[in-house]
C-alpha atoms as a PDB file:
ATOM      1  CA  LEU A   1     265.852 210.500 -62.632  1.00  0.00           C
ATOM      2  CA  HIS A   2     265.259 207.055 -64.321  1.00  0.00           C
ATOM      3  CA  ALA A   3     263.476 207.684 -67.554  1.00  0.00           C
ATOM      4  CA  LYS A   4     263.229 210.858 -69.992  1.00  0.00           C
ATOM      5  CA  ARG A   5     260.460 210.540 -71.208  1.00  0.00           C
ATOM      6  CA  CYS A   6     256.562 209.416 -70.081  1.00  0.00           C
ATOM      7  CA  ARG A   7     253.380 209.123 -71.228  1.00  0.00           C
ATOM      8  CA  PHE A   8     249.179 209.997 -70.513  1.00  0.00           C
ATOM      9  CA  ASP A   9     247.631 207.153 -69.794  1.00  0.00           C
ATOM     10  CA  GLN A  10     243.567 208.142 -70.154  1.00  0.00           C
ATOM     11  CA  GLU A  11     242.625 204.637 -68.725  1.00  0.00           C
ATOM     12  CA  LEU A  12     244.791 204.538 -65.681  1.00  0.00           C
ATOM     13  CA  TYR A  13     243.780 209.128 -65.105  1.00  0.00           C
ATOM     14  CA  ARG A  14     240.087 207.521 -65.227  1.00  0.00           C
ATOM     15  CA  LEU A  15     241.105 204.048 -62.476  1.00  0.00           C
ATOM     16  CA  SER A  16     243.253 207.003 -60.662  1.00  0.00           C
ATOM     17  CA  GLY A  17     239.848 209.242 -60.188  1.00  0.00           C
ATOM     18  CA  ASN A  18     241.147 211.606 -62.483  1.00  0.00           C
ATOM     19  CA  ARG A  19     244.329 212.018 -60.587  1.00  0.00           C
ATOM     20  CA  SER A  20     247.393 211.023 -62.161  1.00  0.00           C
ATOM     21  CA  GLY A  21     247.741 209.228 -65.227  1.00  0.00           C
ATOM     22  CA  GLY A  22     251.539 209.547 -66.016  1.00  0.00           C
ATOM     23  CA  VAL A  23     253.850 207.012 -66.824  1.00  0.00           C
ATOM     24  CA  CYS A  24     257.364 207.211 -67.238  1.00  0.00           C
ATOM     25  CA  ILE A  25     258.632 205.014 -70.555  1.00  0.00           C
ATOM     26  CA  ASN A  26     262.095 203.316 -70.857  1.00  0.00           C
ATOM     27  CA  CYS A  27     262.647 202.694 -67.408  1.00  0.00           C
ATOM     28  CA  ARG A  28     267.351 203.053 -66.948  1.00  0.00           C
ATOM     29  CA  HIS A  29     269.285 202.087 -64.885  1.00  0.00           C
ATOM     30  CA  ASN A  30     267.249 198.051 -63.602  1.00  0.00           C
ATOM     31  CA  THR A  31     264.263 199.860 -62.320  1.00  0.00           C
ATOM     32  CA  ILE A  32     260.881 198.899 -63.296  1.00  0.00           C
ATOM     33  CA  GLY A  33     257.231 201.394 -62.747  1.00  0.00           C
ATOM     34  CA  ARG A  34     254.638 203.542 -63.404  1.00  0.00           C
ATOM     35  CA  ASN A  35     257.352 206.346 -61.249  1.00  0.00           C
ATOM     36  CA  CYS A  36     260.362 203.802 -62.507  1.00  0.00           C
ATOM     37  CA  HIS A  37     260.591 203.432 -58.247  1.00  0.00           C
ATOM     38  CA  LEU A  38     260.881 199.522 -58.064  1.00  0.00           C
ATOM     39  CA  CYS A  39     263.957 197.578 -59.139  1.00  0.00           C
ATOM     40  CA  LYS A  40     262.989 195.014 -62.005  1.00  0.00           C
ATOM     41  CA  PRO A  41     262.825 191.623 -61.975  1.00  0.00           C
ATOM     42  CA  GLY A  42     266.503 190.060 -60.993  1.00  0.00           C
ATOM     43  CA  TYR A  43     267.511 192.914 -59.082  1.00  0.00           C
ATOM     44  CA  PHE A  44     267.172 193.960 -55.143  1.00  0.00           C
ATOM     45  CA  ARG A  45     266.992 197.571 -54.103  1.00  0.00           C
ATOM     46  CA  ASP A  46     270.433 198.241 -52.069  1.00  0.00           C
ATOM     47  CA  THR A  47     268.690 200.289 -49.121  1.00  0.00           C
ATOM     48  CA  GLY A  48     272.474 201.701 -48.391  1.00  0.00           C
ATOM     49  CA  LYS A  49     271.473 204.256 -50.999  1.00  0.00           C
ATOM     50  CA  PRO A  50     268.522 206.769 -52.809  1.00  0.00           C
ATOM     51  CA  ILE A  51     266.068 205.264 -54.933  1.00  0.00           C
ATOM     52  CA  THR A  52     267.348 207.934 -57.517  1.00  0.00           C
ATOM     53  CA  ASN A  53     270.797 206.977 -57.451  1.00  0.00           C
ATOM     54  CA  LYS A  54     271.207 204.965 -60.913  1.00  0.00           C
ATOM     55  CA  ARG A  55     272.463 202.094 -58.328  1.00  0.00           C
ATOM     56  CA  ALA A  56     269.838 201.294 -56.610  1.00  0.00           C
ATOM     57  CA  CYS A  57     269.051 198.189 -57.533  1.00  0.00           C
ATOM     58  CA  LYS A  58     271.505 195.247 -57.530  1.00  0.00           C
ATOM     59  CA  ASN A  59     272.126 191.950 -59.579  1.00  0.00           C
ATOM     60  CA  CYS A  60     270.694 189.498 -57.328  1.00  0.00           C
ATOM     61  CA  GLY A  61     273.390 186.929 -58.860  1.00  0.00           C
ATOM     62  CA  CYS A  62     271.463 183.900 -58.216  1.00  0.00           C
ATOM     63  CA  HIS A  63     273.444 180.505 -59.164  1.00  0.00           C
ATOM     64  CA  PRO A  64     271.682 179.368 -62.444  1.00  0.00           C
ATOM     65  CA  VAL A  65     271.244 175.705 -61.190  1.00  0.00           C
ATOM     66  CA  GLY A  66     270.636 175.602 -57.307  1.00  0.00           C
ATOM     67  CA  SER A  67     268.425 179.081 -57.854  1.00  0.00           C
ATOM     68  CA  LEU A  68     264.380 178.155 -59.209  1.00  0.00           C
ATOM     69  CA  SER A  69     264.657 181.980 -60.648  1.00  0.00           C
ATOM     70  CA  LYS A  70     266.538 184.906 -61.362  1.00  0.00           C
ATOM     71  CA  SER A  71     264.671 187.009 -59.191  1.00  0.00           C
ATOM     72  CA  CYS A  72     265.422 187.678 -55.630  1.00  0.00           C
ATOM     73  CA  ASN A  73     263.538 189.247 -52.263  1.00  0.00           C
ATOM     74  CA  GLN A  74     264.062 193.066 -53.186  1.00  0.00           C
ATOM     75  CA  THR A  75     265.100 194.109 -49.791  1.00  0.00           C
ATOM     76  CA  SER A  76     267.226 190.975 -48.674  1.00  0.00           C
ATOM     77  CA  GLY A  77     268.622 189.900 -51.681  1.00  0.00           C
ATOM     78  CA  GLN A  78     267.620 186.337 -50.562  1.00  0.00           C
ATOM     79  CA  CYS A  79     267.454 184.661 -53.701  1.00  0.00           C
ATOM     80  CA  VAL A  80     264.872 181.155 -53.692  1.00  0.00           C
ATOM     81  CA  CYS A  81     266.655 178.163 -53.983  1.00  0.00           C
ATOM     82  CA  LYS A  82     265.583 174.770 -54.089  1.00  0.00           C
ATOM     83  CA  LEU A  83     265.037 171.581 -52.509  1.00  0.00           C
ATOM     84  CA  GLY A  84     268.644 171.475 -50.566  1.00  0.00           C
ATOM     85  CA  VAL A  85     270.153 173.725 -51.748  1.00  0.00           C
ATOM     86  CA  THR A  86     270.947 177.186 -49.265  1.00  0.00           C
ATOM     87  CA  GLY A  87     273.188 180.646 -49.406  1.00  0.00           C
ATOM     88  CA  GLN A  88     272.306 183.870 -50.283  1.00  0.00           C
ATOM     89  CA  THR A  89     272.538 183.030 -53.483  1.00  0.00           C
ATOM     90  CA  CYS A  90     271.804 179.771 -53.781  1.00  0.00           C
ATOM     91  CA  ASN A  91     275.558 178.202 -54.183  1.00  0.00           C
ATOM     92  CA  ARG A  92     276.044 175.505 -51.889  1.00  0.00           C
ATOM     93  CA  CYS A  93     274.558 172.339 -50.246  1.00  0.00           C
ATOM     94  CA  ALA A  94     272.869 172.721 -47.169  1.00  0.00           C
ATOM     95  CA  LYS A  95     273.266 171.276 -43.905  1.00  0.00           C
ATOM     96  CA  GLY A  96     272.500 167.283 -44.190  1.00  0.00           C
ATOM     97  CA  TYR A  97     272.106 167.438 -48.406  1.00  0.00           C
ATOM     98  CA  GLN A  98     275.411 167.008 -50.851  1.00  0.00           C
ATOM     99  CA  GLN A  99     275.583 167.821 -54.455  1.00  0.00           C
ATOM    100  CA  SER A 100     274.783 165.577 -57.072  1.00  0.00           C
ATOM    101  CA  ARG A 101     275.899 165.870 -60.940  1.00  0.00           C
ATOM    102  CA  SER A 102     272.273 166.313 -62.140  1.00  0.00           C
ATOM    103  CA  THR A 103     270.859 170.138 -62.265  1.00  0.00           C
ATOM    104  CA  VAL A 104     267.365 169.499 -61.483  1.00  0.00           C
ATOM    105  CA  THR A 105     268.566 168.132 -58.011  1.00  0.00           C
ATOM    106  CA  PRO A 106     271.857 169.540 -57.479  1.00  0.00           C
ATOM    107  CA  CYS A 107     271.317 168.753 -54.009  1.00  0.00           C
ATOM    108  CA  ILE A 108     270.783 165.563 -52.668  1.00  0.00           C
ATOM    109  CA  ARG A 109     270.274 164.105 -49.309  1.00  0.00           C
ATOM    110  CA  LEU A 110     272.937 162.274 -47.595  1.00  0.00           C
ATOM    111  CA  PRO A 111     272.664 158.627 -46.645  1.00  0.00           C
ATOM    112  CA  VAL A 112     272.412 157.827 -43.731  1.00  0.00           C
ATOM    113  CA  LYS A 113     272.593 154.351 -41.151  1.00  0.00           C
ATOM    114  CA  GLY A 114     270.753 151.146 -43.123  1.00  0.00           C
ATOM    115  CA  GLY A 115     271.131 152.290 -46.427  1.00  0.00           C
ATOM    116  CA  GLY A 116     267.576 154.147 -46.283  1.00  0.00           C
ATOM    117  CA  ILE A 117     267.935 157.677 -47.064  1.00  0.00           C
ATOM    118  CA  VAL A 118     265.865 160.718 -45.050  1.00  0.00           C
ATOM    119  CA  LYS A 119     262.094 161.766 -46.234  1.00  0.00           C
ATOM    120  CA  GLY A 120     261.687 164.899 -47.262  1.00  0.00           C
ATOM    121  CA  SER A 121     258.039 165.769 -47.076  1.00  0.00           C
ATOM    122  CA  SER A 122     254.879 163.633 -47.687  1.00  0.00           C
ATOM    123  CA  GLU A 123     253.177 163.882 -51.748  1.00  0.00           C
ATOM    124  CA  GLN A 124     251.129 166.359 -52.084  1.00  0.00           C
ATOM    125  CA  GLY A 125     248.327 164.268 -54.116  1.00  0.00           C
ATOM    126  CA  ASP A 126     246.913 164.068 -57.444  1.00  0.00           C
ATOM    127  CA  CYS A 127     247.266 167.488 -58.926  1.00  0.00           C
ATOM    128  CA  GLY A 128     244.316 166.388 -61.795  1.00  0.00           C
ATOM    129  CA  LYS A 129     243.552 170.394 -63.882  1.00  0.00           C
ATOM    130  CA  CYS A 130     244.280 173.173 -63.220  1.00  0.00           C
ATOM    131  CA  ARG A 131     241.286 174.808 -62.466  1.00  0.00           C
ATOM    132  CA  ILE A 132     243.134 178.482 -61.758  1.00  0.00           C
ATOM    133  CA  VAL A 133     243.918 179.374 -64.578  1.00  0.00           C
ATOM    134  CA  PRO A 134     240.858 178.555 -67.594  1.00  0.00           C
ATOM    135  CA  LYS A 135     240.170 178.159 -71.056  1.00  0.00           C
ATOM    136  CA  ARG A 136     238.613 182.094 -71.759  1.00  0.00           C
ATOM    137  CA  LEU A 137     237.282 184.187 -69.400  1.00  0.00           C
ATOM    138  CA  ASN A 138     233.504 185.155 -69.480  1.00  0.00           C
ATOM    139  CA  GLN A 139     231.049 188.129 -68.068  1.00  0.00           C
ATOM    140  CA  LYS A 140     230.241 184.763 -65.425  1.00  0.00           C
ATOM    141  CA  LYS A 141     233.366 183.792 -64.354  1.00  0.00           C
ATOM    142  CA  TYR A 142     234.078 188.149 -63.731  1.00  0.00           C
ATOM    143  CA  CYS A 143     230.723 188.287 -61.212  1.00  0.00           C
ATOM    144  CA  LYS A 144     231.094 185.446 -59.793  1.00  0.00           C
ATOM    145  CA  ARG A 145     234.309 187.063 -58.063  1.00  0.00           C
ATOM    146  CA  ASP A 146     234.315 189.822 -55.423  1.00  0.00           C
ATOM    147  CA  TYR A 147     237.953 191.178 -56.554  1.00  0.00           C
ATOM    148  CA  ALA A 148     239.495 190.961 -60.017  1.00  0.00           C
ATOM    149  CA  LEU A 149     242.930 192.918 -60.574  1.00  0.00           C
ATOM    150  CA  GLN A 150     245.837 193.225 -62.935  1.00  0.00           C
ATOM    151  CA  VAL A 151     249.303 192.502 -61.483  1.00  0.00           C
ATOM    152  CA  LEU A 152     252.752 192.399 -61.823  1.00  0.00           C
ATOM    153  CA  VAL A 153     255.024 189.622 -60.260  1.00  0.00           C
ATOM    154  CA  MET A 154     258.044 191.047 -59.567  1.00  0.00           C
ATOM    155  CA  SER A 155     259.658 188.325 -57.041  1.00  0.00           C
ATOM    156  CA  LYS A 156     259.181 185.028 -55.470  1.00  0.00           C
ATOM    157  CA  GLU A 157     260.381 183.481 -52.347  1.00  0.00           C
ATOM    158  CA  MET A 158     259.521 180.808 -50.176  1.00  0.00           C
ATOM    159  CA  VAL A 159     258.381 180.842 -46.510  1.00  0.00           C
ATOM    160  CA  ASP A 160     257.060 177.871 -44.587  1.00  0.00           C
ATOM    161  CA  ASN A 161     256.524 175.848 -47.819  1.00  0.00           C
ATOM    162  CA  TRP A 162     254.790 178.715 -49.752  1.00  0.00           C
ATOM    163  CA  VAL A 163     255.889 180.179 -52.034  1.00  0.00           C
ATOM    164  CA  ARG A 164     255.122 184.622 -51.872  1.00  0.00           C
ATOM    165  CA  TYR A 165     254.942 186.645 -54.667  1.00  0.00           C
ATOM    166  CA  ARG A 166     256.015 190.265 -54.372  1.00  0.00           C
ATOM    167  CA  VAL A 167     253.096 191.607 -57.128  1.00  0.00           C
ATOM    168  CA  LEU A 168     252.316 195.904 -57.953  1.00  0.00           C
ATOM    169  CA  VAL A 169     248.971 195.705 -58.410  1.00  0.00           C
ATOM    170  CA  GLU A 170     247.927 198.154 -61.648  1.00  0.00           C
ATOM    171  CA  HIS A 171     244.659 198.499 -61.865  1.00  0.00           C
ATOM    172  CA  VAL A 172     241.860 197.298 -59.796  1.00  0.00           C
ATOM    173  CA  PHE A 173     238.966 196.209 -61.573  1.00  0.00           C
ATOM    174  CA  LYS A 174     236.972 194.717 -58.067  1.00  0.00           C
ATOM    175  CA  ARG A 175     238.109 195.854 -55.087  1.00  0.00           C
ATOM    176  CA  GLY A 176     237.104 193.104 -53.001  1.00  0.00           C
ATOM    177  CA  VAL A 177     238.592 194.169 -49.551  1.00  0.00           C
ATOM    178  CA  ARG A 178     241.939 193.527 -50.343  1.00  0.00           C
ATOM    179  CA  GLY A 179     241.991 195.577 -53.671  1.00  0.00           C
ATOM    180  CA  ARG A 180     243.523 198.347 -53.600  1.00  0.00           C
ATOM    181  CA  ARG A 181     246.837 199.378 -56.110  1.00  0.00           C
ATOM    182  CA  GLY A 182     250.829 198.988 -54.979  1.00  0.00           C
ATOM    183  CA  GLU A 183     252.036 195.943 -53.884  1.00  0.00           C
ATOM    184  CA  THR A 184     250.845 193.375 -51.937  1.00  0.00           C
ATOM    185  CA  TYR A 185     251.853 189.578 -52.041  1.00  0.00           C
ATOM    186  CA  LEU A 186     250.169 186.959 -53.478  1.00  0.00           C
ATOM    187  CA  TRP A 187     250.743 183.140 -51.593  1.00  0.00           C
ATOM    188  CA  MET A 188     250.541 179.677 -53.826  1.00  0.00           C
ATOM    189  CA  SER A 189     250.590 176.273 -51.051  1.00  0.00           C
ATOM    190  CA  PRO A 190     252.766 173.681 -50.887  1.00  0.00           C
ATOM    191  CA  ARG A 191     250.637 171.411 -53.075  1.00  0.00           C
ATOM    192  CA  LEU A 192     249.938 174.266 -55.985  1.00  0.00           C
ATOM    193  CA  VAL A 193     253.587 174.198 -55.874  1.00  0.00           C
ATOM    194  CA  HIS A 194     253.646 170.683 -56.491  1.00  0.00           C
ATOM    195  CA  CYS A 195     251.700 170.588 -59.031  1.00  0.00           C
ATOM    196  CA  LYS A 196     252.770 173.761 -60.495  1.00  0.00           C
ATOM    197  CA  CYS A 197     249.248 175.066 -61.037  1.00  0.00           C
ATOM    198  CA  PRO A 198     249.260 178.090 -61.897  1.00  0.00           C
ATOM    199  CA  LYS A 199     252.818 178.458 -63.682  1.00  0.00           C
ATOM    200  CA  ILE A 200     254.360 182.888 -62.679  1.00  0.00           C
ATOM    201  CA  ARG A 201     256.447 184.080 -64.057  1.00  0.00           C
ATOM    202  CA  THR A 202     258.333 187.321 -62.493  1.00  0.00           C
ATOM    203  CA  GLY A 203     258.303 190.275 -65.105  1.00  0.00           C
ATOM    204  CA  ARG A 204     254.942 189.079 -66.441  1.00  0.00           C
ATOM    205  CA  ARG A 205     251.657 190.830 -65.760  1.00  0.00           C
ATOM    206  CA  TYR A 206     248.426 188.520 -64.482  1.00  0.00           C
ATOM    207  CA  ILE A 207     244.965 189.448 -64.352  1.00  0.00           C
ATOM    208  CA  LEU A 208     243.513 187.925 -60.865  1.00  0.00           C
ATOM    209  CA  LEU A 209     240.034 187.213 -59.974  1.00  0.00           C
ATOM    210  CA  GLY A 210     238.944 186.135 -56.379  1.00  0.00           C
ATOM    211  CA  ASN A 211     236.848 186.066 -53.646  1.00  0.00           C
ATOM    212  CA  ASP A 212     237.598 187.379 -50.296  1.00  0.00           C
ATOM    213  CA  ASP A 213     238.940 185.129 -47.500  1.00  0.00           C
ATOM    214  CA  ALA A 214     238.660 187.142 -44.090  1.00  0.00           C
ATOM    215  CA  SER A 215     240.235 184.283 -42.709  1.00  0.00           C
ATOM    216  CA  SER A 216     243.085 183.803 -43.568  1.00  0.00           C
ATOM    217  CA  LYS A 217     246.577 184.780 -41.719  1.00  0.00           C
ATOM    218  CA  TRP A 218     249.329 185.934 -44.538  1.00  0.00           C
ATOM    219  CA  GLN A 219     249.383 189.343 -46.104  1.00  0.00           C
ATOM    220  CA  GLY A 220     247.647 189.379 -49.245  1.00  0.00           C
ATOM    221  CA  ASN A 221     245.788 187.012 -51.548  1.00  0.00           C
ATOM    222  CA  VAL A 222     245.908 183.808 -51.229  1.00  0.00           C
ATOM    223  CA  LEU A 223     244.842 181.646 -54.733  1.00  0.00           C
ATOM    224  CA  ASN A 224     243.032 178.784 -53.776  1.00  0.00           C
ATOM    225  CA  GLU A 225     240.370 176.450 -55.728  1.00  0.00           C
ATOM    226  CA  LYS A 226     238.086 179.638 -56.475  1.00  0.00           C
ATOM    227  CA  SER A 227     240.171 182.244 -57.408  1.00  0.00           C
ATOM    228  CA  LEU A 228     241.841 182.431 -61.875  1.00  0.00           C
ATOM    229  CA  LEU A 229     244.945 184.014 -63.266  1.00  0.00           C
ATOM    230  CA  MET A 230     245.615 184.798 -67.413  1.00  0.00           C
ATOM    231  CA  GLU A 231     248.697 186.301 -68.109  1.00  0.00           C
ATOM    232  CA  TRP A 232     247.503 189.651 -69.364  1.00  0.00           C
ATOM    233  CA  ASP A 233     247.231 191.138 -72.865  1.00  0.00           C
ATOM    234  CA  GLU A 234     245.914 193.877 -74.735  1.00  0.00           C
ATOM    235  CA  HIS A 235     243.100 191.180 -75.552  1.00  0.00           C
ATOM    236  CA  MET A 236     242.510 190.693 -71.894  1.00  0.00           C
ATOM    237  CA  LYS A 237     242.689 193.969 -71.223  1.00  0.00           C
ATOM    238  CA  ASP A 238     239.608 195.165 -73.715  1.00  0.00           C
ATOM    239  CA  LYS A 239     237.640 191.787 -72.721  1.00  0.00           C
ATOM    240  CA  VAL A 240     237.834 192.964 -68.862  1.00  0.00           C
ATOM    241  CA  LEU A 241     236.679 196.959 -69.282  1.00  0.00           C
ATOM    242  CA  ARG A 242     234.184 195.637 -70.772  1.00  0.00           C
ATOM    243  CA  PHE A 243     233.286 193.409 -67.923  1.00  0.00           C
ATOM    244  CA  PHE A 244     233.694 196.304 -65.706  1.00  0.00           C
ATOM    245  CA  LYS A 245     231.400 198.848 -67.484  1.00  0.00           C
ATOM    246  CA  ARG A 246     228.715 195.815 -67.493  1.00  0.00           C
ATOM    247  CA  ASP A 247     229.667 195.459 -63.532  1.00  0.00           C
ATOM    248  CA  LYS A 248     228.884 199.262 -62.783  1.00  0.00           C
ATOM    249  CA  LEU A 249     225.290 198.886 -64.883  1.00  0.00           C
ATOM    250  CA  GLY A 250     224.273 195.911 -62.146  1.00  0.00           C
ATOM    251  CA  GLN A 251     224.449 193.446 -65.124  1.00  0.00           C
ATOM    252  CA  CYS A 252     226.782 191.004 -62.712  1.00  0.00           C
ATOM    253  CA  SER A 253     224.207 191.287 -60.040  1.00  0.00           C
ATOM    254  CA  ILE A 254     222.082 190.036 -62.566  1.00  0.00           C
ATOM    255  CA  SER A 255     224.654 186.921 -63.687  1.00  0.00           C
ATOM    256  CA  ARG A 256     224.740 186.348 -60.097  1.00  0.00           C
ATOM    257  CA  ARG A 257     221.251 185.131 -59.705  1.00  0.00           C
ATOM    258  CA  MET A 258     221.939 183.002 -62.738  1.00  0.00           C
END
């Protein structure tokens, strides 16, 4: 309904257990996804209309200065606001803040008695090198992780000072405990957010590798010092498929002992 044509993806067909390999081409009406069943970044789902409706996806309308991105919560339409900014579209200063002339910090804290300023959260420490984004991915790094997923980043929002990305797992190369296709969440801690490690953009595809963490309180996958995240492209696809085939032949067991 949102696309006029589709194509057959042999690799997708194989990864689905020979059940389905159809992929829609040129999704319209601000939709994306294999079946044009999701709203593209910058739009959110109008629950009052069926997904088959051409107006099922509404523009987020996030303020270009007050918001961190053009994307919003896919359910509520809430944009991701900068510090001190509030409102569904991040269009006004929160209580205790006043408007500034800066586009980086459009809302600053009001001065308090005594000439001071109310302090924000404490510094998150020195950042150093971002090791979550390696220079290259090799067989050893692949084998040392419990899961390997190709994900499409749909949107992001703040939850208790953490950034929560809504992602679509398109391919599962290593399953782990939580590795399954479909929508899930990817979490970034306040420290990683402060250090911008890694820089994740909505609408982009990535290869995500990590280890299972049964103690995590969050639903989905959590980025930590053992995680690896790299932008996805055709060159990366060939490399990961090569690692996948070697893993199936038992070569990862050998790599783990080295």
